[in-house]
Amino acid sequence: MSYTTKNYTTDGGDKTVISGTLDIKEGAILLGLPQAANQADSSATTIAGLVTDFNVLLAKLKAAGLMKTE
């Protein structure tokens, strides 16, 4: 089976494929997207402290599935 449209719903109806541009207008609500845990603003006073804060942020993004792990 082939499709000639950019956007379609699979035969089972459980997946929508969007191959074009998805324009999300102001006020729209997207449900089910992953969210990373809040990361407090850094108060680091050294480069080592900033690296630590940055690595905590990366870990939260990975745990939320927003960034691939190695």
PDB file of N, CA and C in Angstrom:
ATOM      1  N   MET A   1       0.839  -1.164   0.000  1.00  0.00           N
ATOM      2  CA  MET A   1       0.000   0.000   0.000  1.00  0.00           C
ATOM      3  C   MET A   1       0.890   1.234   0.000  1.00  0.00           C
ATOM      4  N   SER A   2       0.528   2.213  -0.800  1.00  0.00           N
ATOM      5  CA  SER A   2       1.314   3.449  -0.826  1.00  0.00           C
ATOM      6  C   SER A   2       0.394   4.643  -0.615  1.00  0.00           C
ATOM      7  N   TYR A   3       0.995   5.722  -0.160  1.00  0.00           N
ATOM      8  CA  TYR A   3       0.244   6.947   0.091  1.00  0.00           C
ATOM      9  C   TYR A   3       0.770   8.048  -0.814  1.00  0.00           C
ATOM     10  N   THR A   4      -0.130   8.889  -1.284  1.00  0.00           N
ATOM     11  CA  THR A   4       0.284  10.008  -2.122  1.00  0.00           C
ATOM     12  C   THR A   4       0.114  11.334  -1.397  1.00  0.00           C
ATOM     13  N   THR A   5      -0.345  11.296  -0.163  1.00  0.00           N
ATOM     14  CA  THR A   5      -0.482  12.519   0.616  1.00  0.00           C
ATOM     15  C   THR A   5       0.664  12.621   1.607  1.00  0.00           C
ATOM     16  N   LYS A   6       0.978  13.846   2.004  1.00  0.00           N
ATOM     17  CA  LYS A   6       2.045  14.041   2.978  1.00  0.00           C
ATOM     18  C   LYS A   6       1.599  13.626   4.368  1.00  0.00           C
ATOM     19  N   ASN A   7       0.340  13.826   4.688  1.00  0.00           N
ATOM     20  CA  ASN A   7      -0.169  13.538   6.023  1.00  0.00           C
ATOM     21  C   ASN A   7      -1.262  12.486   5.916  1.00  0.00           C
ATOM     22  N   TYR A   8      -1.189  11.496   6.783  1.00  0.00           N
ATOM     23  CA  TYR A   8      -2.199  10.440   6.748  1.00  0.00           C
ATOM     24  C   TYR A   8      -2.251   9.720   8.081  1.00  0.00           C
ATOM     25  N   THR A   9      -3.337   9.004   8.299  1.00  0.00           N
ATOM     26  CA  THR A   9      -3.504   8.151   9.464  1.00  0.00           C
ATOM     27  C   THR A   9      -3.333   6.711   9.010  1.00  0.00           C
ATOM     28  N   THR A  10      -2.604   5.923   9.787  1.00  0.00           N
ATOM     29  CA  THR A  10      -2.372   4.536   9.409  1.00  0.00           C
ATOM     30  C   THR A  10      -3.689   3.765   9.379  1.00  0.00           C
ATOM     31  N   ASP A  11      -3.658   2.617   8.728  1.00  0.00           N
ATOM     32  CA  ASP A  11      -4.870   1.820   8.568  1.00  0.00           C
ATOM     33  C   ASP A  11      -5.525   1.478   9.903  1.00  0.00           C
ATOM     34  N   GLY A  12      -4.723   1.232  10.930  1.00  0.00           N
ATOM     35  CA  GLY A  12      -5.276   0.922  12.245  1.00  0.00           C
ATOM     36  C   GLY A  12      -5.781   2.154  12.973  1.00  0.00           C
ATOM     37  N   GLY A  13      -5.461   3.324  12.461  1.00  0.00           N
ATOM     38  CA  GLY A  13      -5.926   4.560  13.073  1.00  0.00           C
ATOM     39  C   GLY A  13      -5.189   4.948  14.338  1.00  0.00           C
ATOM     40  N   ASP A  14      -4.100   4.219  14.638  1.00  0.00           N
ATOM     41  CA  ASP A  14      -3.405   4.491  15.884  1.00  0.00           C
ATOM     42  C   ASP A  14      -2.197   5.409  15.709  1.00  0.00           C
ATOM     43  N   LYS A  15      -1.913   5.834  14.479  1.00  0.00           N
ATOM     44  CA  LYS A  15      -0.754   6.681  14.240  1.00  0.00           C
ATOM     45  C   LYS A  15      -1.052   7.645  13.107  1.00  0.00           C
ATOM     46  N   THR A  16      -0.691   8.911  13.299  1.00  0.00           N
ATOM     47  CA  THR A  16      -0.798   9.911  12.247  1.00  0.00           C
ATOM     48  C   THR A  16       0.600  10.281  11.797  1.00  0.00           C
ATOM     49  N   VAL A  17       0.820  10.253  10.496  1.00  0.00           N
ATOM     50  CA  VAL A  17       2.124  10.568   9.925  1.00  0.00           C
ATOM     51  C   VAL A  17       2.038  11.952   9.303  1.00  0.00           C
ATOM     52  N   ILE A  18       2.964  12.818   9.702  1.00  0.00           N
ATOM     53  CA  ILE A  18       3.009  14.179   9.168  1.00  0.00           C
ATOM     54  C   ILE A  18       4.352  14.346   8.480  1.00  0.00           C
ATOM     55  N   SER A  19       4.333  14.496   7.173  1.00  0.00           N
ATOM     56  CA  SER A  19       5.572  14.639   6.410  1.00  0.00           C
ATOM     57  C   SER A  19       5.818  16.072   5.987  1.00  0.00           C
ATOM     58  N   GLY A  20       4.819  16.911   6.144  1.00  0.00           N
ATOM     59  CA  GLY A  20       4.966  18.314   5.796  1.00  0.00           C
ATOM     60  C   GLY A  20       5.307  19.130   7.032  1.00  0.00           C
ATOM     61  N   THR A  21       4.910  20.371   7.040  1.00  0.00           N
ATOM     62  CA  THR A  21       5.158  21.262   8.165  1.00  0.00           C
ATOM     63  C   THR A  21       3.969  21.232   9.104  1.00  0.00           C
ATOM     64  N   LEU A  22       4.256  21.081  10.384  1.00  0.00           N
ATOM     65  CA  LEU A  22       3.216  21.120  11.405  1.00  0.00           C
ATOM     66  C   LEU A  22       3.283  22.496  12.061  1.00  0.00           C
ATOM     67  N   ASP A  23       2.284  23.317  11.847  1.00  0.00           N
ATOM     68  CA  ASP A  23       2.252  24.673  12.382  1.00  0.00           C
ATOM     69  C   ASP A  23       1.346  24.678  13.604  1.00  0.00           C
ATOM     70  N   ILE A  24       1.944  24.839  14.776  1.00  0.00           N
ATOM     71  CA  ILE A  24       1.184  24.818  16.021  1.00  0.00           C
ATOM     72  C   ILE A  24       0.892  26.261  16.409  1.00  0.00           C
ATOM     73  N   LYS A  25      -0.361  26.641  16.385  1.00  0.00           N
ATOM     74  CA  LYS A  25      -0.768  28.022  16.633  1.00  0.00           C
ATOM     75  C   LYS A  25      -0.775  28.332  18.117  1.00  0.00           C
ATOM     76  N   GLU A  26      -0.645  29.617  18.434  1.00  0.00           N
ATOM     77  CA  GLU A  26      -0.681  30.080  19.816  1.00  0.00           C
ATOM     78  C   GLU A  26      -1.986  29.636  20.476  1.00  0.00           C
ATOM     79  N   GLY A  27      -1.874  29.132  21.682  1.00  0.00           N
ATOM     80  CA  GLY A  27      -3.039  28.673  22.421  1.00  0.00           C
ATOM     81  C   GLY A  27      -3.331  27.191  22.241  1.00  0.00           C
ATOM     82  N   ALA A  28      -2.626  26.545  21.293  1.00  0.00           N
ATOM     83  CA  ALA A  28      -2.839  25.115  21.079  1.00  0.00           C
ATOM     84  C   ALA A  28      -2.266  24.338  22.258  1.00  0.00           C
ATOM     85  N   ILE A  29      -2.823  23.167  22.510  1.00  0.00           N
ATOM     86  CA  ILE A  29      -2.357  22.312  23.596  1.00  0.00           C
ATOM     87  C   ILE A  29      -1.935  20.976  23.002  1.00  0.00           C
ATOM     88  N   LEU A  30      -0.698  20.576  23.289  1.00  0.00           N
ATOM     89  CA  LEU A  30      -0.198  19.275  22.854  1.00  0.00           C
ATOM     90  C   LEU A  30      -0.161  18.368  24.063  1.00  0.00           C
ATOM     91  N   LEU A  31      -0.785  17.223  23.945  1.00  0.00           N
ATOM     92  CA  LEU A  31      -0.836  16.275  25.052  1.00  0.00           C
ATOM     93  C   LEU A  31       0.109  15.113  24.790  1.00  0.00           C
ATOM     94  N   GLY A  32       0.680  14.582  25.851  1.00  0.00           N
ATOM     95  CA  GLY A  32       1.473  13.371  25.746  1.00  0.00           C
ATOM     96  C   GLY A  32       2.935  13.564  25.400  1.00  0.00           C
ATOM     97  N   LEU A  33       3.391  14.799  25.279  1.00  0.00           N
ATOM     98  CA  LEU A  33       4.803  15.007  24.987  1.00  0.00           C
ATOM     99  C   LEU A  33       5.619  14.895  26.266  1.00  0.00           C
ATOM    100  N   PRO A  34       6.820  14.352  26.160  1.00  0.00           N
ATOM    101  CA  PRO A  34       7.637  14.240  27.376  1.00  0.00           C
ATOM    102  C   PRO A  34       8.088  15.611  27.846  1.00  0.00           C
ATOM    103  N   GLN A  35       8.278  15.735  29.139  1.00  0.00           N
ATOM    104  CA  GLN A  35       8.796  16.962  29.726  1.00  0.00           C
ATOM    105  C   GLN A  35       9.958  16.603  30.637  1.00  0.00           C
ATOM    106  N   ALA A  36      10.989  17.432  30.598  1.00  0.00           N
ATOM    107  CA  ALA A  36      12.121  17.235  31.498  1.00  0.00           C
ATOM    108  C   ALA A  36      11.795  17.876  32.834  1.00  0.00           C
ATOM    109  N   ALA A  37      12.367  17.318  33.892  1.00  0.00           N
ATOM    110  CA  ALA A  37      12.209  17.910  35.219  1.00  0.00           C
ATOM    111  C   ALA A  37      12.813  19.309  35.217  1.00  0.00           C
ATOM    112  N   ASN A  38      12.288  20.176  36.054  1.00  0.00           N
ATOM    113  CA  ASN A  38      12.783  21.540  36.133  1.00  0.00           C
ATOM    114  C   ASN A  38      14.253  21.564  36.535  1.00  0.00           C
ATOM    115  N   GLN A  39      14.986  22.455  35.924  1.00  0.00           N
ATOM    116  CA  GLN A  39      16.389  22.673  36.281  1.00  0.00           C
ATOM    117  C   GLN A  39      16.511  24.093  36.806  1.00  0.00           C
ATOM    118  N   ALA A  40      16.895  24.225  38.048  1.00  0.00           N
ATOM    119  CA  ALA A  40      17.047  25.549  38.650  1.00  0.00           C
ATOM    120  C   ALA A  40      18.149  26.332  37.936  1.00  0.00           C
ATOM    121  N   ASP A  41      18.034  27.643  37.950  1.00  0.00           N
ATOM    122  CA  ASP A  41      19.074  28.496  37.402  1.00  0.00           C
ATOM    123  C   ASP A  41      20.395  28.205  38.104  1.00  0.00           C
ATOM    124  N   SER A  42      21.452  28.243  37.350  1.00  0.00           N
ATOM    125  CA  SER A  42      22.764  27.988  37.936  1.00  0.00           C
ATOM    126  C   SER A  42      23.198  29.179  38.786  1.00  0.00           C
ATOM    127  N   SER A  43      23.774  28.866  39.927  1.00  0.00           N
ATOM    128  CA  SER A  43      24.375  29.900  40.771  1.00  0.00           C
ATOM    129  C   SER A  43      25.865  29.607  40.929  1.00  0.00           C
ATOM    130  N   ALA A  44      26.400  28.861  39.969  1.00  0.00           N
ATOM    131  CA  ALA A  44      27.802  28.455  40.017  1.00  0.00           C
ATOM    132  C   ALA A  44      28.712  29.680  39.978  1.00  0.00           C
ATOM    133  N   THR A  45      29.776  29.605  40.717  1.00  0.00           N
ATOM    134  CA  THR A  45      30.764  30.680  40.737  1.00  0.00           C
ATOM    135  C   THR A  45      32.102  30.224  40.178  1.00  0.00           C
ATOM    136  N   THR A  46      32.159  28.947  39.778  1.00  0.00           N
ATOM    137  CA  THR A  46      33.374  28.411  39.164  1.00  0.00           C
ATOM    138  C   THR A  46      32.991  27.634  37.915  1.00  0.00           C
ATOM    139  N   ILE A  47      33.960  27.434  37.056  1.00  0.00           N
ATOM    140  CA  ILE A  47      33.715  26.632  35.853  1.00  0.00           C
ATOM    141  C   ILE A  47      33.318  25.215  36.243  1.00  0.00           C
ATOM    142  N   ALA A  48      33.964  24.659  37.247  1.00  0.00           N
ATOM    143  CA  ALA A  48      33.635  23.296  37.684  1.00  0.00           C
ATOM    144  C   ALA A  48      32.185  23.222  38.161  1.00  0.00           C
ATOM    145  N   GLY A  49      31.727  24.229  38.867  1.00  0.00           N
ATOM    146  CA  GLY A  49      30.336  24.262  39.315  1.00  0.00           C
ATOM    147  C   GLY A  49      29.370  24.370  38.159  1.00  0.00           C
ATOM    148  N   LEU A  50      29.736  25.158  37.159  1.00  0.00           N
ATOM    149  CA  LEU A  50      28.891  25.300  35.968  1.00  0.00           C
ATOM    150  C   LEU A  50      28.824  23.994  35.192  1.00  0.00           C
ATOM    151  N   VAL A  51      29.948  23.288  35.094  1.00  0.00           N
ATOM    152  CA  VAL A  51      29.966  21.985  34.423  1.00  0.00           C
ATOM    153  C   VAL A  51      29.036  21.018  35.150  1.00  0.00           C
ATOM    154  N   THR A  52      29.071  21.031  36.471  1.00  0.00           N
ATOM    155  CA  THR A  52      28.190  20.161  37.256  1.00  0.00           C
ATOM    156  C   THR A  52      26.732  20.476  36.983  1.00  0.00           C
ATOM    157  N   ASP A  53      26.376  21.772  37.003  1.00  0.00           N
ATOM    158  CA  ASP A  53      24.991  22.179  36.735  1.00  0.00           C
ATOM    159  C   ASP A  53      24.568  21.765  35.329  1.00  0.00           C
ATOM    160  N   PHE A  54      25.451  21.946  34.362  1.00  0.00           N
ATOM    161  CA  PHE A  54      25.147  21.595  32.979  1.00  0.00           C
ATOM    162  C   PHE A  54      24.935  20.090  32.834  1.00  0.00           C
ATOM    163  N   ASN A  55      25.761  19.299  33.492  1.00  0.00           N
ATOM    164  CA  ASN A  55      25.612  17.842  33.420  1.00  0.00           C
ATOM    165  C   ASN A  55      24.315  17.373  34.067  1.00  0.00           C
ATOM    166  N   VAL A  56      23.868  18.061  35.124  1.00  0.00           N
ATOM    167  CA  VAL A  56      22.573  17.740  35.733  1.00  0.00           C
ATOM    168  C   VAL A  56      21.459  18.003  34.721  1.00  0.00           C
ATOM    169  N   LEU A  57      21.545  19.122  34.000  1.00  0.00           N
ATOM    170  CA  LEU A  57      20.553  19.434  32.960  1.00  0.00           C
ATOM    171  C   LEU A  57      20.543  18.360  31.878  1.00  0.00           C
ATOM    172  N   LEU A  58      21.718  17.963  31.409  1.00  0.00           N
ATOM    173  CA  LEU A  58      21.788  16.920  30.386  1.00  0.00           C
ATOM    174  C   LEU A  58      21.161  15.619  30.880  1.00  0.00           C
ATOM    175  N   ALA A  59      21.406  15.255  32.117  1.00  0.00           N
ATOM    176  CA  ALA A  59      20.835  14.032  32.683  1.00  0.00           C
ATOM    177  C   ALA A  59      19.315  14.104  32.713  1.00  0.00           C
ATOM    178  N   LYS A  60      18.773  15.263  33.049  1.00  0.00           N
ATOM    179  CA  LYS A  60      17.311  15.413  33.080  1.00  0.00           C
ATOM    180  C   LYS A  60      16.713  15.327  31.686  1.00  0.00           C
ATOM    181  N   LEU A  61      17.372  15.901  30.703  1.00  0.00           N
ATOM    182  CA  LEU A  61      16.887  15.808  29.322  1.00  0.00           C
ATOM    183  C   LEU A  61      16.901  14.358  28.835  1.00  0.00           C
ATOM    184  N   LYS A  62      17.947  13.631  29.175  1.00  0.00           N
ATOM    185  CA  LYS A  62      18.042  12.219  28.778  1.00  0.00           C
ATOM    186  C   LYS A  62      16.991  11.374  29.493  1.00  0.00           C
ATOM    187  N   ALA A  63      16.790  11.630  30.769  1.00  0.00           N
ATOM    188  CA  ALA A  63      15.804  10.852  31.540  1.00  0.00           C
ATOM    189  C   ALA A  63      14.395  11.081  31.029  1.00  0.00           C
ATOM    190  N   ALA A  64      14.131  12.269  30.487  1.00  0.00           N
ATOM    191  CA  ALA A  64      12.802  12.571  29.954  1.00  0.00           C
ATOM    192  C   ALA A  64      12.619  12.065  28.533  1.00  0.00           C
ATOM    193  N   GLY A  65      13.679  11.525  27.932  1.00  0.00           N
ATOM    194  CA  GLY A  65      13.601  11.030  26.562  1.00  0.00           C
ATOM    195  C   GLY A  65      13.712  12.119  25.530  1.00  0.00           C
ATOM    196  N   LEU A  66      14.210  13.286  25.910  1.00  0.00           N
ATOM    197  CA  LEU A  66      14.357  14.399  24.975  1.00  0.00           C
ATOM    198  C   LEU A  66      15.728  14.440  24.337  1.00  0.00           C
ATOM    199  N   MET A  67      16.631  13.590  24.804  1.00  0.00           N
ATOM    200  CA  MET A  67      17.973  13.519  24.255  1.00  0.00           C
ATOM    201  C   MET A  67      18.403  12.055  24.312  1.00  0.00           C
ATOM    202  N   LYS A  68      19.022  11.589  23.240  1.00  0.00           N
ATOM    203  CA  LYS A  68      19.496  10.203  23.213  1.00  0.00           C
ATOM    204  C   LYS A  68      20.648  10.032  24.183  1.00  0.00           C
ATOM    205  N   THR A  69      20.701   8.862  24.804  1.00  0.00           N
ATOM    206  CA  THR A  69      21.841   8.530  25.649  1.00  0.00           C
ATOM    207  C   THR A  69      22.922   7.920  24.776  1.00  0.00           C
ATOM    208  N   GLU A  70      24.107   7.856  25.301  1.00  0.00           N
ATOM    209  CA  GLU A  70      25.222   7.308  24.501  1.00  0.00           C
ATOM    210  C   GLU A  70      25.041   5.854  24.222  1.00  0.00           C
TER     211      GLU A  70
END
